Amino acid sequence: MASSKQGKIELIQELQEEIITKLGDEVNELYLDRVVVGVFFTGVILNNGYAGMSATPIKTIPEAVCCPSSAKALPRSGKLKGLTVNQILVDLYSPQGLRRAIAIATLNALAETLWMRDGPPTNAVLSYGDAFSSMTISPTDKVALVGAFPPFMREFRKRNQDFRVLEMDPSTLRPEEMPFYAPADTAPTVIPWADVLITTATTLINGSLQSLLELVKANTEVAIIGPTAPLVTDTFARHKVTIIGGTRVIDGENLLDLLAEGGSGYHFFEKMVERVILTLNKV
């Protein structure tokens, strides 16, 4: 198992160790049965029938305009089916975003395997639906969004909430949203300012999540939201996370068919994918 000299992937390593340790020897019997790298999301199905997904980090592949150079991003295409999960999880530490996405989708399929065997985590309150609607945000709270969530921004603007949007690509914001934009490199100032932090789980793919969480001040509400988030609690609780808004794949085959056709959350939520909210007991 790899580790980073810069400490950027320690959290993902902790997540891997948490899931693998709880699964025990069962993990050695599991391998990939199917993989789809879609435009918006990547999905895998294991040989036990359980599935997991992750965001597809298309924007992190600047060479995607050229087939020969793009092939370097995923050189095992056509050879993934049948690889053991242990072989795939090595790519949690790969410098290539697509490899990491497949590995995180695999980790999520393992989390689903654990959930189906042992039930939901016992140190969290389980609910379903939109994680944002379950959050209690007071009118005086200052909110930091990591990633441009259009529904969240619309709601905060309607409420006259004091918020900032940390985003690497400002072109994802509309003109009326730009007054709330904060460049990604201002995170060391914006995150300690916030009473509430809501971050996309794709920060697991780009390796930035741990460094963001290290900036959080005491008693901050911290929500990690998106299909990329593994539904396990021990590691996240140690890193100040209070809400996990993730997903469970309930119809893997049809989901992967949809992803292969460029499907997005509008197409699969509450049909093939169930939105799950875990509210963690603070440690």
Protein backbone atom coordinates (compact mmCIF):
# COMPACT_ATOMS: atom_id res chain seq x y z
CA MET A 1 0.00 0.00 0.00
CA ALA A 2 1.43 3.35 -1.03
CA SER A 3 1.72 6.54 0.97
CA SER A 4 2.53 10.09 -0.01
CA LYS A 5 5.51 12.09 1.17
CA GLN A 6 3.34 15.19 1.00
CA GLY A 7 0.53 13.62 3.03
CA LYS A 8 -2.10 14.31 0.38
CA ILE A 9 -3.34 10.74 0.14
CA GLU A 10 -3.24 9.67 3.75
CA LEU A 11 -7.00 9.98 4.09
CA ILE A 12 -7.69 7.76 1.10
CA GLN A 13 -5.24 5.24 2.54
CA GLU A 14 -7.14 5.33 5.84
CA LEU A 15 -10.40 4.74 3.99
CA GLN A 16 -8.89 1.79 2.17
CA GLU A 17 -7.55 0.29 5.38
CA GLU A 18 -10.88 0.79 7.17
CA ILE A 19 -12.83 -1.06 4.48
CA ILE A 20 -10.28 -3.81 3.84
CA THR A 21 -9.80 -4.52 7.54
CA LYS A 22 -13.55 -4.84 8.12
CA LEU A 23 -14.03 -7.09 5.09
CA GLY A 24 -11.18 -9.37 6.09
CA ASP A 25 -10.32 -12.36 3.90
CA GLU A 26 -13.48 -11.84 1.83
CA VAL A 27 -11.69 -9.14 -0.14
CA ASN A 28 -9.26 -11.70 -1.59
CA GLU A 29 -12.11 -13.42 -3.42
CA LEU A 30 -13.32 -10.31 -5.24
CA TYR A 31 -12.51 -9.04 -8.72
CA LEU A 32 -13.89 -6.70 -11.36
CA ASP A 33 -16.70 -8.15 -13.43
CA ARG A 34 -17.54 -4.98 -15.39
CA VAL A 35 -16.18 -1.44 -15.72
CA VAL A 36 -17.63 1.60 -17.49
CA VAL A 37 -15.86 4.96 -17.67
CA GLY A 38 -18.66 7.36 -18.56
CA VAL A 39 -18.54 11.04 -19.42
CA PHE A 40 -19.73 12.12 -15.96
CA PHE A 41 -19.39 9.03 -13.78
CA THR A 42 -17.38 5.81 -13.65
CA GLY A 43 -18.96 2.58 -12.43
CA VAL A 44 -17.79 -0.93 -11.57
CA ILE A 45 -19.51 -4.19 -10.70
CA LEU A 46 -17.70 -6.86 -8.68
CA ASN A 47 -18.07 -10.59 -9.12
CA ASN A 48 -20.32 -10.66 -6.03
CA GLY A 49 -22.82 -8.46 -7.90
CA TYR A 50 -22.30 -5.31 -5.85
CA ALA A 51 -21.48 -2.05 -7.59
CA GLY A 52 -19.84 1.27 -6.86
CA MET A 53 -19.30 4.53 -8.66
CA SER A 54 -17.16 7.65 -8.76
CA ALA A 55 -17.07 10.91 -10.66
CA THR A 56 -15.09 10.79 -13.91
CA PRO A 57 -12.33 13.43 -13.75
CA ILE A 58 -12.45 14.41 -17.41
CA LYS A 59 -11.14 17.93 -16.81
CA THR A 60 -7.93 16.56 -15.34
CA ILE A 61 -6.92 15.00 -18.66
CA PRO A 62 -5.71 17.86 -20.88
CA GLU A 63 -4.38 15.40 -23.43
CA ALA A 64 -7.88 14.00 -23.99
CA VAL A 65 -7.97 15.72 -27.38
CA CYS A 66 -5.62 13.13 -28.83
CA CYS A 67 -6.21 9.39 -28.86
CA PRO A 68 -2.55 8.26 -28.70
CA SER A 69 -1.72 10.51 -25.76
CA SER A 70 -5.06 9.92 -24.02
CA ALA A 71 -4.37 6.19 -24.05
CA LYS A 72 -1.62 6.86 -21.51
CA ALA A 73 -4.26 7.86 -18.97
CA LEU A 74 -5.82 4.40 -18.94
CA PRO A 75 -3.38 1.93 -20.50
CA ARG A 76 -5.21 -1.15 -19.17
CA SER A 77 -8.38 -0.54 -21.20
CA GLY A 78 -9.74 -3.90 -22.36
CA LYS A 79 -7.83 -5.71 -19.61
CA LEU A 80 -9.64 -4.52 -16.49
CA LYS A 81 -12.28 -7.25 -16.26
CA GLY A 82 -11.02 -10.04 -14.06
CA LEU A 83 -8.44 -7.99 -12.20
CA THR A 84 -8.63 -8.51 -8.45
CA VAL A 85 -9.74 -5.61 -6.29
CA ASN A 86 -6.31 -5.65 -4.65
CA GLN A 87 -4.73 -5.05 -8.06
CA ILE A 88 -7.15 -2.18 -8.76
CA LEU A 89 -6.81 -0.48 -5.37
CA VAL A 90 -3.14 0.18 -6.06
CA ASP A 91 -4.43 2.89 -8.41
CA LEU A 92 -5.82 4.85 -5.48
CA TYR A 93 -2.31 6.34 -5.48
CA SER A 94 -1.86 6.68 -9.24
CA PRO A 95 -1.02 10.10 -10.71
CA GLN A 96 -3.60 9.40 -13.43
CA GLY A 97 -7.11 10.61 -12.60
CA LEU A 98 -9.04 7.95 -14.52
CA ARG A 99 -7.17 5.18 -12.77
CA ARG A 100 -7.94 6.74 -9.40
CA ALA A 101 -11.62 7.08 -10.34
CA ILE A 102 -11.89 3.37 -11.14
CA ALA A 103 -10.09 2.52 -7.91
CA ILE A 104 -12.44 4.73 -5.86
CA ALA A 105 -15.48 3.21 -7.60
CA THR A 106 -14.06 -0.18 -6.63
CA LEU A 107 -13.58 1.00 -3.04
CA ASN A 108 -17.23 2.09 -3.04
CA ALA A 109 -18.30 -1.33 -4.31
CA LEU A 110 -16.37 -2.83 -1.39
CA ALA A 111 -18.13 -0.43 0.99
CA GLU A 112 -21.44 -1.66 -0.46
CA THR A 113 -20.29 -5.25 0.09
CA LEU A 114 -19.58 -4.38 3.72
CA TRP A 115 -22.95 -2.62 4.07
CA MET A 116 -24.83 -5.62 2.65
CA ARG A 117 -23.00 -7.99 5.00
CA ASP A 118 -23.04 -5.96 8.23
CA GLY A 119 -25.69 -3.30 7.71
CA PRO A 120 -25.19 0.48 7.86
CA PRO A 121 -22.54 2.00 10.14
CA THR A 122 -23.66 1.99 13.75
CA ASN A 123 -22.00 5.28 14.72
CA ALA A 124 -24.12 7.44 12.40
CA VAL A 125 -27.75 8.40 11.89
CA LEU A 126 -29.02 7.05 8.56
CA SER A 127 -31.44 8.97 6.35
CA TYR A 128 -32.19 9.22 2.65
CA GLY A 129 -32.51 11.87 -0.02
CA ASP A 130 -30.73 15.13 -0.70
CA ALA A 131 -27.96 15.74 1.83
CA PHE A 132 -28.23 19.50 1.46
CA SER A 133 -31.87 19.54 2.54
CA SER A 134 -30.93 17.62 5.69
CA MET A 135 -28.37 20.20 6.83
CA THR A 136 -29.24 22.81 9.44
CA ILE A 137 -27.66 26.09 8.32
CA SER A 138 -28.56 29.19 10.28
CA PRO A 139 -28.99 32.57 8.55
CA THR A 140 -25.85 33.86 10.29
CA ASP A 141 -23.63 30.93 9.28
CA LYS A 142 -20.81 31.60 6.85
CA VAL A 143 -20.62 28.82 4.25
CA ALA A 144 -17.74 27.62 2.10
CA LEU A 145 -18.57 25.49 -0.95
CA VAL A 146 -15.78 23.48 -2.52
CA GLY A 147 -17.02 23.00 -6.05
CA ALA A 148 -19.74 24.86 -7.91
CA PHE A 149 -23.04 23.28 -6.80
CA PRO A 150 -25.67 25.21 -8.82
CA PRO A 151 -28.68 24.20 -6.65
CA PHE A 152 -26.80 25.13 -3.48
CA MET A 153 -25.71 28.49 -4.87
CA ARG A 154 -29.24 29.30 -5.99
CA GLU A 155 -30.60 28.51 -2.54
CA PHE A 156 -27.92 30.50 -0.72
CA ARG A 157 -28.49 33.51 -2.96
CA LYS A 158 -32.22 33.28 -2.29
CA ARG A 159 -31.55 33.21 1.46
CA ASN A 160 -28.98 36.03 1.29
CA GLN A 161 -26.56 33.61 2.93
CA ASP A 162 -22.95 34.69 3.33
CA PHE A 163 -21.06 32.13 1.24
CA ARG A 164 -17.98 31.60 -0.92
CA VAL A 165 -17.40 29.11 -3.73
CA LEU A 166 -13.91 27.65 -3.96
CA GLU A 167 -13.58 26.48 -7.56
CA MET A 168 -10.62 25.73 -9.82
CA ASP A 169 -12.57 26.58 -12.97
CA PRO A 170 -14.45 29.89 -12.67
CA SER A 171 -16.11 29.27 -16.04
CA THR A 172 -18.45 26.84 -14.25
CA LEU A 173 -20.11 29.80 -12.48
CA ARG A 174 -22.72 32.04 -14.05
CA PRO A 175 -22.22 35.83 -14.07
CA GLU A 176 -24.63 36.33 -11.17
CA GLU A 177 -22.63 33.77 -9.13
CA MET A 178 -19.22 35.32 -9.69
CA PRO A 179 -19.44 37.74 -6.71
CA PHE A 180 -19.27 34.62 -4.51
CA TYR A 181 -16.33 33.05 -6.34
CA ALA A 182 -13.07 32.45 -4.49
CA PRO A 183 -10.00 31.05 -6.31
CA ALA A 184 -9.01 27.59 -5.14
CA ASP A 185 -5.70 28.87 -3.78
CA THR A 186 -7.57 31.07 -1.26
CA ALA A 187 -8.75 27.97 0.64
CA PRO A 188 -6.38 28.66 3.59
CA THR A 189 -8.30 31.88 4.19
CA VAL A 190 -11.84 30.88 3.19
CA ILE A 191 -12.19 27.54 5.00
CA PRO A 192 -11.20 28.76 8.50
CA TRP A 193 -13.64 31.65 7.94
CA ALA A 194 -16.56 29.27 7.41
CA ASP A 195 -18.99 27.85 9.96
CA VAL A 196 -20.16 25.30 7.40
CA LEU A 197 -18.03 23.53 4.79
CA ILE A 198 -19.69 21.63 1.95
CA THR A 199 -17.29 19.89 -0.38
CA THR A 200 -17.75 17.70 -3.41
CA ALA A 201 -16.41 14.20 -2.88
CA THR A 202 -14.39 14.53 -6.10
CA THR A 203 -11.73 16.08 -3.87
CA LEU A 204 -10.90 12.46 -3.07
CA ILE A 205 -9.92 11.98 -6.71
CA ASN A 206 -7.70 15.04 -7.00
CA GLY A 207 -6.13 14.40 -3.60
CA SER A 208 -7.12 17.73 -2.06
CA LEU A 209 -9.67 16.59 0.54
CA GLN A 210 -7.28 15.97 3.40
CA SER A 211 -5.56 19.34 3.09
CA LEU A 212 -8.97 21.05 2.99
CA LEU A 213 -10.14 19.28 6.13
CA GLU A 214 -6.97 20.27 7.94
CA LEU A 215 -8.03 23.91 7.54
CA VAL A 216 -11.40 23.47 9.24
CA LYS A 217 -11.87 25.29 12.54
CA ALA A 218 -13.44 23.66 15.58
CA ASN A 219 -17.22 23.07 15.64
CA THR A 220 -17.60 23.49 11.88
CA GLU A 221 -20.31 21.48 10.13
CA VAL A 222 -18.48 19.55 7.40
CA ALA A 223 -20.40 17.75 4.66
CA ILE A 224 -18.86 15.60 1.92
CA ILE A 225 -21.36 15.14 -0.88
CA GLY A 226 -21.47 13.09 -4.07
CA PRO A 227 -21.38 9.53 -5.44
CA THR A 228 -17.59 9.44 -5.02
CA ALA A 229 -17.86 9.43 -1.19
CA PRO A 230 -17.40 6.00 0.42
CA LEU A 231 -20.17 5.22 2.91
CA VAL A 232 -17.91 4.44 5.86
CA THR A 233 -17.63 6.57 8.94
CA ASP A 234 -14.62 5.94 11.18
CA THR A 235 -12.02 7.64 8.99
CA PHE A 236 -14.22 10.60 8.10
CA ALA A 237 -15.15 11.17 11.76
CA ARG A 238 -11.46 11.38 12.67
CA HIS A 239 -11.05 14.06 10.01
CA LYS A 240 -13.85 16.36 11.33
CA VAL A 241 -16.51 15.28 8.81
CA THR A 242 -20.04 15.43 10.25
CA ILE A 243 -22.19 14.52 7.22
CA ILE A 244 -21.58 12.09 4.35
CA GLY A 245 -24.02 12.47 1.48
CA GLY A 246 -23.18 9.48 -0.69
CA THR A 247 -24.93 6.87 -2.80
CA ARG A 248 -25.73 3.18 -2.94
CA VAL A 249 -26.06 1.51 -6.32
CA ILE A 250 -29.24 -0.56 -6.33
CA ASP A 251 -29.27 -1.57 -10.02
CA GLY A 252 -25.68 -1.93 -11.17
CA GLU A 253 -26.18 -3.40 -14.62
CA ASN A 254 -28.68 -0.80 -15.76
CA LEU A 255 -26.60 1.96 -14.17
CA LEU A 256 -23.49 0.97 -16.11
CA ASP A 257 -25.53 0.73 -19.31
CA LEU A 258 -26.69 4.28 -18.65
CA LEU A 259 -23.19 5.56 -17.87
CA ALA A 260 -21.95 4.03 -21.13
CA GLU A 261 -24.50 6.25 -22.89
CA GLY A 262 -23.28 9.39 -21.13
CA GLY A 263 -25.87 9.38 -18.35
CA SER A 264 -25.70 11.72 -15.36
CA GLY A 265 -27.35 12.06 -11.95
CA TYR A 266 -30.54 13.41 -13.51
CA HIS A 267 -30.99 10.02 -15.14
CA PHE A 268 -30.15 7.59 -12.32
CA PHE A 269 -30.95 9.11 -8.91
CA GLU A 270 -33.82 7.33 -7.16
CA LYS A 271 -34.00 4.87 -10.07
CA MET A 272 -30.75 2.92 -10.11
CA VAL A 273 -28.93 4.85 -7.38
CA GLU A 274 -30.18 5.65 -3.88
CA ARG A 275 -28.98 8.81 -2.14
CA VAL A 276 -27.90 8.11 1.43
CA ILE A 277 -27.08 10.51 4.26
CA LEU A 278 -24.92 9.52 7.21
CA THR A 279 -24.86 12.04 10.06
CA LEU A 280 -21.83 11.15 12.12
CA ASN A 281 -21.45 11.12 15.86
CA LYS A 282 -18.73 13.67 16.60
CA VAL A 283 -15.53 12.30 18.12
